[in-house]
N, C-alpha and C. Protein backbone atom coordinates (compact mmCIF):
# COMPACT_ATOMS: atom_id res chain seq x y z
N MET A 1 9.25 17.81 9.41
CA MET A 1 8.51 16.70 10.04
C MET A 1 8.07 15.71 8.98
N ASN A 2 8.27 14.45 9.22
CA ASN A 2 7.79 13.42 8.31
C ASN A 2 6.28 13.30 8.44
N LYS A 3 5.65 12.85 7.36
CA LYS A 3 4.20 12.70 7.38
C LYS A 3 3.75 11.69 8.43
N THR A 4 4.64 10.75 8.77
CA THR A 4 4.30 9.72 9.75
C THR A 4 4.46 10.22 11.18
N ASP A 5 4.99 11.47 11.34
CA ASP A 5 5.23 12.00 12.68
C ASP A 5 4.00 12.71 13.26
N ILE A 6 2.97 12.92 12.45
CA ILE A 6 1.80 13.64 12.90
C ILE A 6 1.06 12.80 13.94
N ALA A 7 0.81 13.40 15.10
CA ALA A 7 0.16 12.67 16.19
C ALA A 7 -1.26 12.29 15.80
N PRO A 8 -1.65 11.03 16.03
CA PRO A 8 -3.01 10.61 15.70
C PRO A 8 -4.03 11.26 16.62
N ILE A 9 -5.17 11.58 16.07
CA ILE A 9 -6.26 12.17 16.85
C ILE A 9 -7.40 11.15 16.87
N ASP A 10 -7.94 10.91 18.05
CA ASP A 10 -9.05 9.97 18.14
C ASP A 10 -10.21 10.50 17.30
N PRO A 11 -10.73 9.68 16.39
CA PRO A 11 -11.80 10.15 15.51
C PRO A 11 -13.14 10.20 16.24
N PRO A 12 -14.06 11.04 15.74
CA PRO A 12 -15.41 11.03 16.30
C PRO A 12 -16.01 9.63 16.16
N THR A 13 -16.87 9.28 17.10
CA THR A 13 -17.39 7.91 17.12
C THR A 13 -18.29 7.59 15.93
N ASP A 14 -18.80 8.63 15.24
CA ASP A 14 -19.67 8.36 14.10
C ASP A 14 -18.89 8.19 12.80
N GLN A 15 -17.57 8.27 12.87
CA GLN A 15 -16.76 8.10 11.67
C GLN A 15 -16.05 6.75 11.68
N LEU A 16 -15.90 6.19 10.50
CA LEU A 16 -15.15 4.95 10.34
C LEU A 16 -13.65 5.25 10.39
N THR A 17 -12.86 4.24 10.73
CA THR A 17 -11.41 4.45 10.87
C THR A 17 -10.65 3.64 9.84
N TYR A 18 -9.52 4.20 9.40
CA TYR A 18 -8.73 3.61 8.31
C TYR A 18 -7.26 3.60 8.70
N LEU A 19 -6.64 2.42 8.61
CA LEU A 19 -5.21 2.24 8.87
C LEU A 19 -4.53 1.78 7.59
N ALA A 20 -3.50 2.52 7.17
CA ALA A 20 -2.75 2.18 5.95
C ALA A 20 -1.34 1.76 6.33
N LEU A 21 -0.98 0.53 5.98
CA LEU A 21 0.33 -0.04 6.31
C LEU A 21 1.16 -0.19 5.04
N GLY A 22 2.45 0.21 5.11
CA GLY A 22 3.26 0.04 3.91
C GLY A 22 4.62 0.69 3.94
N ASP A 23 4.99 1.26 2.79
CA ASP A 23 6.31 1.87 2.60
C ASP A 23 6.13 3.20 1.89
N SER A 24 7.07 3.57 1.02
CA SER A 24 6.99 4.87 0.33
C SER A 24 5.74 5.01 -0.52
N TYR A 25 5.24 3.90 -1.04
CA TYR A 25 4.04 3.95 -1.89
C TYR A 25 2.79 4.27 -1.08
N THR A 26 2.82 4.01 0.22
CA THR A 26 1.70 4.35 1.09
C THR A 26 1.82 5.78 1.60
N ILE A 27 3.05 6.20 1.91
CA ILE A 27 3.28 7.58 2.32
C ILE A 27 2.91 8.54 1.19
N GLY A 28 3.27 8.14 -0.04
CA GLY A 28 3.14 9.06 -1.17
C GLY A 28 4.40 9.88 -1.30
N GLU A 29 5.55 9.21 -1.29
CA GLU A 29 6.84 9.87 -1.44
C GLU A 29 6.85 10.73 -2.70
N ALA A 30 7.30 11.96 -2.58
CA ALA A 30 7.49 12.90 -3.69
C ALA A 30 6.19 13.52 -4.21
N VAL A 31 5.07 13.28 -3.51
CA VAL A 31 3.82 13.99 -3.84
C VAL A 31 3.25 14.58 -2.55
N LYS A 32 2.29 15.48 -2.69
CA LYS A 32 1.62 16.04 -1.52
C LYS A 32 0.82 14.94 -0.83
N GLN A 33 0.68 15.07 0.48
CA GLN A 33 -0.05 14.05 1.24
C GLN A 33 -1.44 13.80 0.66
N ALA A 34 -2.11 14.85 0.25
CA ALA A 34 -3.46 14.72 -0.30
C ALA A 34 -3.49 13.91 -1.59
N GLU A 35 -2.33 13.78 -2.25
CA GLU A 35 -2.25 13.03 -3.50
C GLU A 35 -1.87 11.56 -3.30
N SER A 36 -1.51 11.19 -2.08
CA SER A 36 -1.15 9.79 -1.80
C SER A 36 -2.37 8.91 -1.98
N PHE A 37 -2.15 7.62 -2.20
CA PHE A 37 -3.32 6.77 -2.46
C PHE A 37 -4.23 6.63 -1.24
N PRO A 38 -3.70 6.56 0.01
CA PRO A 38 -4.64 6.47 1.14
C PRO A 38 -5.53 7.70 1.26
N TYR A 39 -4.96 8.88 1.01
CA TYR A 39 -5.76 10.10 1.12
C TYR A 39 -6.75 10.26 -0.03
N GLN A 40 -6.34 9.85 -1.24
CA GLN A 40 -7.29 9.90 -2.35
C GLN A 40 -8.38 8.84 -2.19
N LEU A 41 -8.02 7.70 -1.61
CA LEU A 41 -9.01 6.67 -1.31
C LEU A 41 -10.00 7.18 -0.26
N TRP A 42 -9.47 7.80 0.77
CA TRP A 42 -10.30 8.39 1.83
C TRP A 42 -11.30 9.39 1.24
N GLU A 43 -10.81 10.24 0.33
CA GLU A 43 -11.67 11.22 -0.32
C GLU A 43 -12.76 10.52 -1.14
N ASN A 44 -12.37 9.50 -1.89
CA ASN A 44 -13.34 8.75 -2.70
C ASN A 44 -14.44 8.14 -1.84
N LEU A 45 -14.03 7.50 -0.74
CA LEU A 45 -15.00 6.81 0.11
C LEU A 45 -15.96 7.79 0.77
N ASN A 46 -15.45 8.94 1.18
CA ASN A 46 -16.32 9.95 1.78
C ASN A 46 -17.34 10.47 0.77
N LYS A 47 -16.91 10.59 -0.48
CA LYS A 47 -17.84 11.03 -1.54
C LYS A 47 -18.93 9.99 -1.78
N GLN A 48 -18.61 8.74 -1.45
CA GLN A 48 -19.56 7.64 -1.64
C GLN A 48 -20.32 7.31 -0.36
N SER A 49 -20.36 8.30 0.54
CA SER A 49 -21.12 8.20 1.80
C SER A 49 -20.58 7.17 2.78
N LEU A 50 -19.30 6.83 2.65
CA LEU A 50 -18.62 6.05 3.69
C LEU A 50 -17.72 7.05 4.43
N HIS A 51 -18.17 7.46 5.59
CA HIS A 51 -17.53 8.58 6.27
C HIS A 51 -16.39 8.12 7.18
N PHE A 52 -15.19 8.23 6.65
CA PHE A 52 -13.98 7.84 7.37
C PHE A 52 -13.27 9.07 7.92
N SER A 53 -12.64 8.91 9.07
CA SER A 53 -11.70 9.92 9.55
C SER A 53 -10.42 9.79 8.72
N ALA A 54 -9.55 10.77 8.80
CA ALA A 54 -8.30 10.74 8.02
C ALA A 54 -7.51 9.48 8.35
N PRO A 55 -6.86 8.89 7.35
CA PRO A 55 -6.14 7.63 7.60
C PRO A 55 -4.97 7.78 8.56
N LYS A 56 -4.77 6.76 9.37
CA LYS A 56 -3.52 6.66 10.13
C LYS A 56 -2.56 5.87 9.25
N ILE A 57 -1.40 6.46 9.00
CA ILE A 57 -0.44 5.84 8.09
C ILE A 57 0.78 5.36 8.88
N VAL A 58 1.07 4.08 8.77
CA VAL A 58 2.27 3.50 9.37
C VAL A 58 3.11 2.98 8.21
N ALA A 59 4.07 3.78 7.81
CA ALA A 59 4.88 3.47 6.63
C ALA A 59 6.11 4.36 6.64
N THR A 60 7.19 3.85 6.10
CA THR A 60 8.43 4.62 5.96
C THR A 60 9.09 4.23 4.65
N THR A 61 9.60 5.23 3.95
CA THR A 61 10.31 4.97 2.70
C THR A 61 11.46 4.00 2.94
N GLY A 62 11.53 2.96 2.13
CA GLY A 62 12.61 1.99 2.24
C GLY A 62 12.29 0.76 3.06
N TRP A 63 11.14 0.77 3.74
CA TRP A 63 10.81 -0.38 4.60
C TRP A 63 10.58 -1.65 3.80
N THR A 64 11.13 -2.74 4.31
CA THR A 64 10.82 -4.09 3.85
C THR A 64 9.65 -4.61 4.69
N ALA A 65 9.19 -5.81 4.36
CA ALA A 65 8.13 -6.43 5.16
C ALA A 65 8.57 -6.59 6.61
N GLY A 66 9.80 -7.03 6.82
CA GLY A 66 10.31 -7.20 8.17
C GLY A 66 10.41 -5.90 8.93
N GLU A 67 10.79 -4.84 8.24
CA GLU A 67 10.90 -3.53 8.88
C GLU A 67 9.52 -2.95 9.20
N LEU A 68 8.53 -3.26 8.38
CA LEU A 68 7.16 -2.85 8.70
C LEU A 68 6.69 -3.55 9.96
N ILE A 69 7.01 -4.82 10.10
CA ILE A 69 6.66 -5.56 11.32
C ILE A 69 7.25 -4.86 12.54
N SER A 70 8.52 -4.49 12.45
CA SER A 70 9.18 -3.79 13.57
C SER A 70 8.57 -2.42 13.80
N GLY A 71 8.26 -1.72 12.71
CA GLY A 71 7.68 -0.38 12.83
C GLY A 71 6.32 -0.39 13.50
N ILE A 72 5.54 -1.40 13.23
CA ILE A 72 4.22 -1.53 13.85
C ILE A 72 4.35 -1.66 15.36
N LYS A 73 5.37 -2.38 15.80
CA LYS A 73 5.58 -2.59 17.24
C LYS A 73 5.89 -1.29 17.97
N ALA A 74 6.40 -0.30 17.24
CA ALA A 74 6.78 0.97 17.86
C ALA A 74 5.66 2.01 17.84
N GLU A 75 4.51 1.65 17.26
CA GLU A 75 3.41 2.59 17.10
C GLU A 75 2.32 2.40 18.16
N THR A 76 1.47 3.40 18.27
CA THR A 76 0.29 3.33 19.13
C THR A 76 -0.95 3.30 18.24
N PHE A 77 -1.88 2.43 18.57
CA PHE A 77 -3.04 2.22 17.71
C PHE A 77 -4.34 2.32 18.48
N LEU A 78 -5.43 2.54 17.74
CA LEU A 78 -6.77 2.39 18.29
C LEU A 78 -7.02 0.91 18.55
N PRO A 79 -8.02 0.57 19.36
CA PRO A 79 -8.31 -0.85 19.61
C PRO A 79 -8.60 -1.62 18.33
N LYS A 80 -9.25 -0.97 17.36
CA LYS A 80 -9.51 -1.62 16.07
C LYS A 80 -9.73 -0.55 15.00
N TYR A 81 -9.63 -0.99 13.74
CA TYR A 81 -9.89 -0.11 12.60
C TYR A 81 -10.93 -0.75 11.70
N ASP A 82 -11.76 0.09 11.08
CA ASP A 82 -12.80 -0.43 10.20
C ASP A 82 -12.24 -0.86 8.85
N LEU A 83 -11.14 -0.26 8.45
CA LEU A 83 -10.52 -0.55 7.16
C LEU A 83 -9.00 -0.58 7.32
N VAL A 84 -8.36 -1.59 6.74
CA VAL A 84 -6.89 -1.69 6.75
C VAL A 84 -6.42 -1.99 5.33
N THR A 85 -5.45 -1.21 4.85
CA THR A 85 -4.80 -1.54 3.57
C THR A 85 -3.35 -1.90 3.84
N LEU A 86 -2.82 -2.78 2.99
CA LEU A 86 -1.44 -3.25 3.12
C LEU A 86 -0.80 -3.31 1.74
N LEU A 87 0.33 -2.62 1.60
CA LEU A 87 1.12 -2.66 0.37
C LEU A 87 2.58 -2.70 0.79
N ILE A 88 3.23 -3.83 0.60
CA ILE A 88 4.62 -3.98 1.05
C ILE A 88 5.34 -5.03 0.19
N GLY A 89 6.63 -4.79 -0.05
CA GLY A 89 7.42 -5.80 -0.74
C GLY A 89 8.41 -5.28 -1.76
N VAL A 90 8.23 -4.03 -2.21
CA VAL A 90 9.15 -3.54 -3.25
C VAL A 90 10.58 -3.49 -2.75
N ASN A 91 10.77 -3.14 -1.48
CA ASN A 91 12.14 -3.05 -0.96
C ASN A 91 12.75 -4.42 -0.69
N ASP A 92 11.90 -5.41 -0.46
CA ASP A 92 12.39 -6.79 -0.38
C ASP A 92 12.96 -7.21 -1.73
N GLN A 93 12.22 -6.85 -2.79
CA GLN A 93 12.71 -7.16 -4.15
C GLN A 93 13.96 -6.35 -4.47
N TYR A 94 13.93 -5.06 -4.15
CA TYR A 94 15.04 -4.16 -4.48
C TYR A 94 16.34 -4.60 -3.81
N ARG A 95 16.21 -5.05 -2.56
CA ARG A 95 17.41 -5.48 -1.81
C ARG A 95 17.76 -6.94 -2.05
N ARG A 96 17.00 -7.57 -2.93
CA ARG A 96 17.22 -8.98 -3.27
C ARG A 96 17.06 -9.89 -2.05
N ASN A 97 16.10 -9.55 -1.20
CA ASN A 97 15.80 -10.41 -0.05
C ASN A 97 15.17 -11.72 -0.51
N SER A 98 15.28 -12.72 0.31
CA SER A 98 14.72 -14.03 0.00
C SER A 98 13.20 -13.97 -0.13
N ILE A 99 12.69 -14.56 -1.18
CA ILE A 99 11.24 -14.57 -1.37
C ILE A 99 10.56 -15.48 -0.34
N GLU A 100 11.30 -16.48 0.16
CA GLU A 100 10.76 -17.35 1.22
C GLU A 100 10.58 -16.56 2.52
N THR A 101 11.57 -15.72 2.83
CA THR A 101 11.46 -14.87 4.02
C THR A 101 10.31 -13.89 3.86
N TYR A 102 10.20 -13.32 2.67
CA TYR A 102 9.10 -12.39 2.39
C TYR A 102 7.76 -13.07 2.61
N ARG A 103 7.61 -14.29 2.15
CA ARG A 103 6.34 -15.00 2.33
C ARG A 103 5.99 -15.11 3.82
N LYS A 104 6.96 -15.53 4.63
CA LYS A 104 6.72 -15.69 6.06
C LYS A 104 6.32 -14.36 6.70
N GLU A 105 7.05 -13.31 6.34
CA GLU A 105 6.78 -12.00 6.94
C GLU A 105 5.46 -11.43 6.43
N PHE A 106 5.14 -11.68 5.17
CA PHE A 106 3.88 -11.19 4.62
C PHE A 106 2.69 -11.89 5.29
N ILE A 107 2.81 -13.19 5.52
CA ILE A 107 1.76 -13.93 6.23
C ILE A 107 1.55 -13.33 7.63
N ALA A 108 2.66 -13.01 8.30
CA ALA A 108 2.57 -12.40 9.63
C ALA A 108 1.87 -11.05 9.56
N LEU A 109 2.17 -10.28 8.52
CA LEU A 109 1.54 -8.96 8.36
C LEU A 109 0.05 -9.08 8.05
N LEU A 110 -0.32 -10.08 7.29
CA LEU A 110 -1.74 -10.31 7.03
C LEU A 110 -2.49 -10.60 8.32
N LYS A 111 -1.90 -11.43 9.17
CA LYS A 111 -2.52 -11.74 10.46
C LYS A 111 -2.64 -10.49 11.32
N THR A 112 -1.60 -9.68 11.31
CA THR A 112 -1.62 -8.42 12.07
C THR A 112 -2.70 -7.50 11.53
N ALA A 113 -2.80 -7.40 10.21
CA ALA A 113 -3.80 -6.53 9.59
C ALA A 113 -5.21 -6.97 9.95
N VAL A 114 -5.46 -8.27 9.93
CA VAL A 114 -6.78 -8.80 10.29
C VAL A 114 -7.08 -8.51 11.76
N ASN A 115 -6.08 -8.64 12.61
CA ASN A 115 -6.26 -8.30 14.03
C ASN A 115 -6.63 -6.83 14.19
N PHE A 116 -5.96 -5.95 13.43
CA PHE A 116 -6.28 -4.52 13.49
C PHE A 116 -7.72 -4.27 13.05
N ALA A 117 -8.21 -5.10 12.13
CA ALA A 117 -9.58 -4.96 11.63
C ALA A 117 -10.59 -5.68 12.52
N GLY A 118 -10.19 -5.99 13.73
CA GLY A 118 -11.10 -6.64 14.67
C GLY A 118 -11.42 -8.07 14.29
N GLY A 119 -10.50 -8.70 13.56
CA GLY A 119 -10.70 -10.09 13.15
C GLY A 119 -11.49 -10.24 11.86
N ASN A 120 -11.84 -9.12 11.24
CA ASN A 120 -12.67 -9.15 10.03
C ASN A 120 -11.81 -9.06 8.78
N ALA A 121 -11.48 -10.21 8.19
CA ALA A 121 -10.63 -10.25 6.99
C ALA A 121 -11.27 -9.53 5.81
N ALA A 122 -12.59 -9.42 5.80
CA ALA A 122 -13.29 -8.75 4.71
C ALA A 122 -13.04 -7.25 4.68
N HIS A 123 -12.46 -6.72 5.76
CA HIS A 123 -12.17 -5.29 5.82
C HIS A 123 -10.67 -5.00 5.68
N VAL A 124 -9.93 -5.99 5.20
CA VAL A 124 -8.50 -5.83 4.91
C VAL A 124 -8.32 -5.91 3.39
N PHE A 125 -7.52 -5.00 2.85
CA PHE A 125 -7.33 -4.91 1.40
C PHE A 125 -5.85 -4.81 1.08
N VAL A 126 -5.37 -5.78 0.31
CA VAL A 126 -3.96 -5.80 -0.09
C VAL A 126 -3.83 -5.22 -1.49
N VAL A 127 -2.78 -4.43 -1.67
CA VAL A 127 -2.46 -3.82 -2.96
C VAL A 127 -1.16 -4.44 -3.47
N SER A 128 -1.11 -4.78 -4.74
CA SER A 128 0.09 -5.38 -5.32
C SER A 128 1.24 -4.37 -5.40
N ILE A 129 2.44 -4.89 -5.62
CA ILE A 129 3.64 -4.05 -5.74
C ILE A 129 3.74 -3.50 -7.16
N PRO A 130 3.91 -2.19 -7.31
CA PRO A 130 4.10 -1.63 -8.66
C PRO A 130 5.48 -1.96 -9.21
N ASP A 131 5.63 -1.81 -10.51
CA ASP A 131 6.90 -2.12 -11.18
C ASP A 131 7.72 -0.84 -11.35
N TRP A 132 8.73 -0.68 -10.48
CA TRP A 132 9.57 0.52 -10.55
C TRP A 132 10.55 0.46 -11.71
N GLY A 133 10.70 -0.70 -12.33
CA GLY A 133 11.64 -0.84 -13.43
C GLY A 133 11.28 -0.01 -14.65
N VAL A 134 10.00 0.37 -14.78
CA VAL A 134 9.57 1.15 -15.95
C VAL A 134 9.82 2.65 -15.79
N THR A 135 10.26 3.06 -14.61
CA THR A 135 10.47 4.49 -14.34
C THR A 135 11.84 4.95 -14.85
N PRO A 136 12.05 6.26 -14.97
CA PRO A 136 13.38 6.75 -15.34
C PRO A 136 14.47 6.25 -14.39
N TYR A 137 14.15 6.19 -13.10
CA TYR A 137 15.12 5.67 -12.13
C TYR A 137 15.47 4.23 -12.46
N GLY A 138 14.46 3.44 -12.78
CA GLY A 138 14.69 2.04 -13.13
C GLY A 138 15.59 1.90 -14.34
N ALA A 139 15.35 2.75 -15.34
CA ALA A 139 16.15 2.70 -16.57
C ALA A 139 17.61 3.04 -16.32
N GLN A 140 17.85 3.89 -15.31
CA GLN A 140 19.21 4.33 -15.00
C GLN A 140 19.85 3.55 -13.86
N SER A 141 19.16 2.54 -13.36
CA SER A 141 19.62 1.83 -12.16
C SER A 141 20.76 0.86 -12.43
N GLY A 142 20.98 0.53 -13.68
CA GLY A 142 22.00 -0.45 -14.01
C GLY A 142 21.50 -1.88 -13.93
N ARG A 143 20.23 -2.03 -13.57
CA ARG A 143 19.63 -3.37 -13.51
C ARG A 143 18.84 -3.65 -14.78
N ASP A 144 18.72 -4.91 -15.10
CA ASP A 144 17.93 -5.33 -16.25
C ASP A 144 16.45 -5.15 -15.92
N VAL A 145 15.77 -4.28 -16.66
CA VAL A 145 14.38 -3.98 -16.32
C VAL A 145 13.47 -5.19 -16.54
N LYS A 146 13.85 -6.09 -17.43
CA LYS A 146 13.07 -7.31 -17.62
C LYS A 146 13.18 -8.23 -16.41
N VAL A 147 14.36 -8.25 -15.80
CA VAL A 147 14.56 -9.04 -14.58
C VAL A 147 13.77 -8.41 -13.43
N ILE A 148 13.80 -7.09 -13.34
CA ILE A 148 13.01 -6.40 -12.31
C ILE A 148 11.54 -6.80 -12.43
N ALA A 149 11.03 -6.76 -13.66
CA ALA A 149 9.62 -7.10 -13.89
C ALA A 149 9.30 -8.53 -13.45
N LYS A 150 10.19 -9.45 -13.77
CA LYS A 150 9.98 -10.86 -13.39
C LYS A 150 10.01 -11.02 -11.87
N GLU A 151 10.94 -10.31 -11.23
CA GLU A 151 11.03 -10.40 -9.76
C GLU A 151 9.81 -9.78 -9.09
N ILE A 152 9.36 -8.64 -9.59
CA ILE A 152 8.15 -8.01 -9.05
C ILE A 152 6.97 -8.98 -9.19
N ASP A 153 6.86 -9.61 -10.36
CA ASP A 153 5.78 -10.58 -10.58
C ASP A 153 5.87 -11.75 -9.59
N ALA A 154 7.09 -12.18 -9.30
CA ALA A 154 7.28 -13.31 -8.37
C ALA A 154 6.85 -12.93 -6.95
N PHE A 155 7.22 -11.72 -6.51
CA PHE A 155 6.82 -11.27 -5.18
C PHE A 155 5.30 -11.08 -5.12
N ASN A 156 4.74 -10.55 -6.21
CA ASN A 156 3.29 -10.37 -6.25
C ASN A 156 2.54 -11.69 -6.28
N ALA A 157 3.13 -12.70 -6.90
CA ALA A 157 2.50 -14.03 -6.89
C ALA A 157 2.37 -14.54 -5.47
N VAL A 158 3.38 -14.25 -4.65
CA VAL A 158 3.36 -14.66 -3.24
C VAL A 158 2.30 -13.88 -2.47
N ASN A 159 2.32 -12.54 -2.59
CA ASN A 159 1.36 -11.78 -1.77
C ASN A 159 -0.08 -11.99 -2.23
N LYS A 160 -0.28 -12.26 -3.52
CA LYS A 160 -1.64 -12.57 -3.99
C LYS A 160 -2.10 -13.92 -3.46
N GLU A 161 -1.24 -14.92 -3.58
CA GLU A 161 -1.59 -16.26 -3.11
C GLU A 161 -1.95 -16.25 -1.63
N GLU A 162 -1.12 -15.60 -0.82
CA GLU A 162 -1.35 -15.60 0.63
C GLU A 162 -2.56 -14.76 1.00
N SER A 163 -2.80 -13.67 0.28
CA SER A 163 -3.98 -12.84 0.55
C SER A 163 -5.26 -13.62 0.28
N LEU A 164 -5.33 -14.23 -0.89
CA LEU A 164 -6.54 -14.97 -1.25
C LEU A 164 -6.75 -16.18 -0.34
N LYS A 165 -5.65 -16.80 0.06
CA LYS A 165 -5.73 -17.94 0.98
C LYS A 165 -6.33 -17.51 2.32
N ALA A 166 -6.05 -16.27 2.71
CA ALA A 166 -6.55 -15.74 3.98
C ALA A 166 -7.93 -15.09 3.84
N GLY A 167 -8.50 -15.14 2.64
CA GLY A 167 -9.82 -14.54 2.43
C GLY A 167 -9.79 -13.03 2.37
N ILE A 168 -8.66 -12.48 1.93
CA ILE A 168 -8.45 -11.04 1.89
C ILE A 168 -8.49 -10.53 0.45
N SER A 169 -9.17 -9.41 0.25
CA SER A 169 -9.30 -8.81 -1.07
C SER A 169 -7.93 -8.37 -1.60
N TYR A 170 -7.71 -8.60 -2.90
CA TYR A 170 -6.42 -8.29 -3.53
C TYR A 170 -6.66 -7.40 -4.75
N THR A 171 -6.01 -6.25 -4.77
CA THR A 171 -6.13 -5.32 -5.89
C THR A 171 -4.81 -5.27 -6.65
N ASP A 172 -4.85 -5.65 -7.91
CA ASP A 172 -3.64 -5.72 -8.74
C ASP A 172 -3.44 -4.43 -9.52
N ILE A 173 -2.60 -3.55 -9.00
CA ILE A 173 -2.32 -2.27 -9.66
C ILE A 173 -1.07 -2.36 -10.55
N THR A 174 -0.42 -3.52 -10.57
CA THR A 174 0.87 -3.64 -11.27
C THR A 174 0.76 -3.41 -12.78
N PRO A 175 -0.21 -4.00 -13.48
CA PRO A 175 -0.30 -3.73 -14.92
C PRO A 175 -0.43 -2.24 -15.22
N GLY A 176 -1.25 -1.54 -14.45
CA GLY A 176 -1.41 -0.10 -14.64
C GLY A 176 -0.13 0.67 -14.34
N SER A 177 0.63 0.19 -13.35
CA SER A 177 1.89 0.88 -13.01
C SER A 177 2.87 0.83 -14.17
N ARG A 178 2.76 -0.20 -15.00
CA ARG A 178 3.67 -0.35 -16.14
C ARG A 178 3.36 0.62 -17.28
N ASN A 179 2.23 1.28 -17.20
CA ASN A 179 1.91 2.32 -18.18
C ASN A 179 2.83 3.52 -18.04
N ALA A 180 3.53 3.60 -16.90
CA ALA A 180 4.48 4.70 -16.70
C ALA A 180 5.62 4.65 -17.71
N ALA A 181 5.81 3.50 -18.34
CA ALA A 181 6.84 3.38 -19.37
C ALA A 181 6.58 4.31 -20.55
N THR A 182 5.29 4.60 -20.78
CA THR A 182 4.93 5.45 -21.92
C THR A 182 4.16 6.70 -21.52
N ASP A 183 3.91 6.88 -20.23
CA ASP A 183 3.17 8.05 -19.74
C ASP A 183 3.92 8.66 -18.57
N ALA A 184 4.72 9.68 -18.87
CA ALA A 184 5.56 10.32 -17.84
C ALA A 184 4.73 10.96 -16.74
N ALA A 185 3.47 11.26 -17.02
CA ALA A 185 2.60 11.90 -16.03
C ALA A 185 2.26 10.97 -14.87
N LEU A 186 2.56 9.69 -15.03
CA LEU A 186 2.30 8.72 -13.96
C LEU A 186 3.45 8.61 -12.97
N VAL A 187 4.54 9.35 -13.22
CA VAL A 187 5.72 9.30 -12.37
C VAL A 187 5.91 10.64 -11.68
N ALA A 188 6.25 10.61 -10.39
CA ALA A 188 6.49 11.83 -9.62
C ALA A 188 7.78 12.51 -10.07
N SER A 189 8.03 13.68 -9.51
CA SER A 189 9.18 14.49 -9.93
C SER A 189 10.52 13.84 -9.61
N ASP A 190 10.54 12.85 -8.71
CA ASP A 190 11.81 12.20 -8.38
C ASP A 190 12.20 11.12 -9.38
N GLY A 191 11.33 10.86 -10.36
CA GLY A 191 11.65 9.89 -11.40
C GLY A 191 11.52 8.44 -10.98
N LEU A 192 11.00 8.21 -9.79
CA LEU A 192 10.88 6.85 -9.26
C LEU A 192 9.48 6.52 -8.77
N HIS A 193 8.95 7.36 -7.92
CA HIS A 193 7.67 7.05 -7.27
C HIS A 193 6.48 7.47 -8.13
N PRO A 194 5.31 6.89 -7.87
CA PRO A 194 4.12 7.26 -8.63
C PRO A 194 3.72 8.72 -8.39
N SER A 195 3.08 9.29 -9.38
CA SER A 195 2.52 10.63 -9.26
C SER A 195 1.14 10.55 -8.63
N GLY A 196 0.58 11.71 -8.32
CA GLY A 196 -0.79 11.74 -7.82
C GLY A 196 -1.77 11.14 -8.81
N LYS A 197 -1.46 11.28 -10.10
CA LYS A 197 -2.32 10.72 -11.15
C LYS A 197 -2.39 9.20 -11.04
N MET A 198 -1.23 8.56 -10.83
CA MET A 198 -1.23 7.10 -10.68
C MET A 198 -1.93 6.69 -9.39
N TYR A 199 -1.66 7.41 -8.31
CA TYR A 199 -2.32 7.08 -7.04
C TYR A 199 -3.84 7.23 -7.15
N LYS A 200 -4.28 8.17 -7.97
CA LYS A 200 -5.72 8.34 -8.21
C LYS A 200 -6.29 7.07 -8.84
N GLU A 201 -5.53 6.48 -9.76
CA GLU A 201 -5.96 5.23 -10.40
C GLU A 201 -6.04 4.10 -9.38
N TRP A 202 -5.06 4.04 -8.47
CA TRP A 202 -5.08 3.00 -7.44
C TRP A 202 -6.32 3.15 -6.56
N ALA A 203 -6.59 4.39 -6.14
CA ALA A 203 -7.74 4.65 -5.28
C ALA A 203 -9.04 4.26 -5.99
N ALA A 204 -9.10 4.54 -7.29
CA ALA A 204 -10.29 4.19 -8.07
C ALA A 204 -10.46 2.68 -8.18
N GLN A 205 -9.34 1.96 -8.28
CA GLN A 205 -9.41 0.50 -8.34
C GLN A 205 -9.86 -0.11 -7.02
N LEU A 206 -9.41 0.48 -5.93
CA LEU A 206 -9.73 -0.05 -4.60
C LEU A 206 -11.16 0.24 -4.16
N SER A 207 -11.66 1.40 -4.53
CA SER A 207 -12.94 1.88 -4.00
C SER A 207 -14.11 0.92 -4.16
N PRO A 208 -14.33 0.31 -5.34
CA PRO A 208 -15.50 -0.58 -5.48
C PRO A 208 -15.50 -1.76 -4.51
N SER A 209 -14.33 -2.38 -4.32
CA SER A 209 -14.25 -3.53 -3.41
C SER A 209 -14.55 -3.11 -1.97
N ILE A 210 -14.04 -1.96 -1.60
CA ILE A 210 -14.27 -1.46 -0.23
C ILE A 210 -15.74 -1.10 -0.05
N ASN A 211 -16.29 -0.41 -1.04
CA ASN A 211 -17.71 -0.06 -0.99
C ASN A 211 -18.58 -1.29 -0.80
N LYS A 212 -18.26 -2.33 -1.55
CA LYS A 212 -19.03 -3.58 -1.48
C LYS A 212 -18.94 -4.20 -0.09
N ALA A 213 -17.75 -4.13 0.51
CA ALA A 213 -17.55 -4.74 1.84
C ALA A 213 -18.32 -4.01 2.93
N PHE A 214 -18.61 -2.73 2.70
CA PHE A 214 -19.27 -1.93 3.74
C PHE A 214 -20.77 -1.76 3.50
N LYS A 215 -21.27 -2.31 2.41
CA LYS A 215 -22.70 -2.17 2.13
C LYS A 215 -23.50 -3.31 2.76
């Protein structure tokens, strides 16, 4: 069973709700579910007295922004969520999709995310795309890792610009993701995706902004 196949359970009314939208980086491909960034973020927030129910994750390995839009249409949701995170775009870069198309689809996803948050943009948090070019997989991909880095930066420039324009918090995890070039412990066993250690760093970066929004 895929992690996304688990049937959602309506949370108790005294708990906050969290929706995580994305791709393999949101699922936590190649690590245990508890090590994924949404679950480590959930754990962090609960320790800080923000009591959330377990995150609902809408994400599939390989999804582009357009495929996430389609995937959302096939899901069932609560009327609203107290917290929404969005991390999407690496597969648009990997497949060499048009950055103009990505911009349009990302803007649509931002609007969808804000709608899920009950219209409250302050409760939506965008995470930048990590640089897969620094991983062993990237080194063996046959692609120029410097070009990968430039393309990732270009896609991130778009998602950052549109997030800030919409009044949405933006967390830049990309510089930290590049530390995987010299720290193998930041890469999962598949040689491509982040390890639980890297996801822990992402959760730590996100937590202060979320805490501030809920205080």
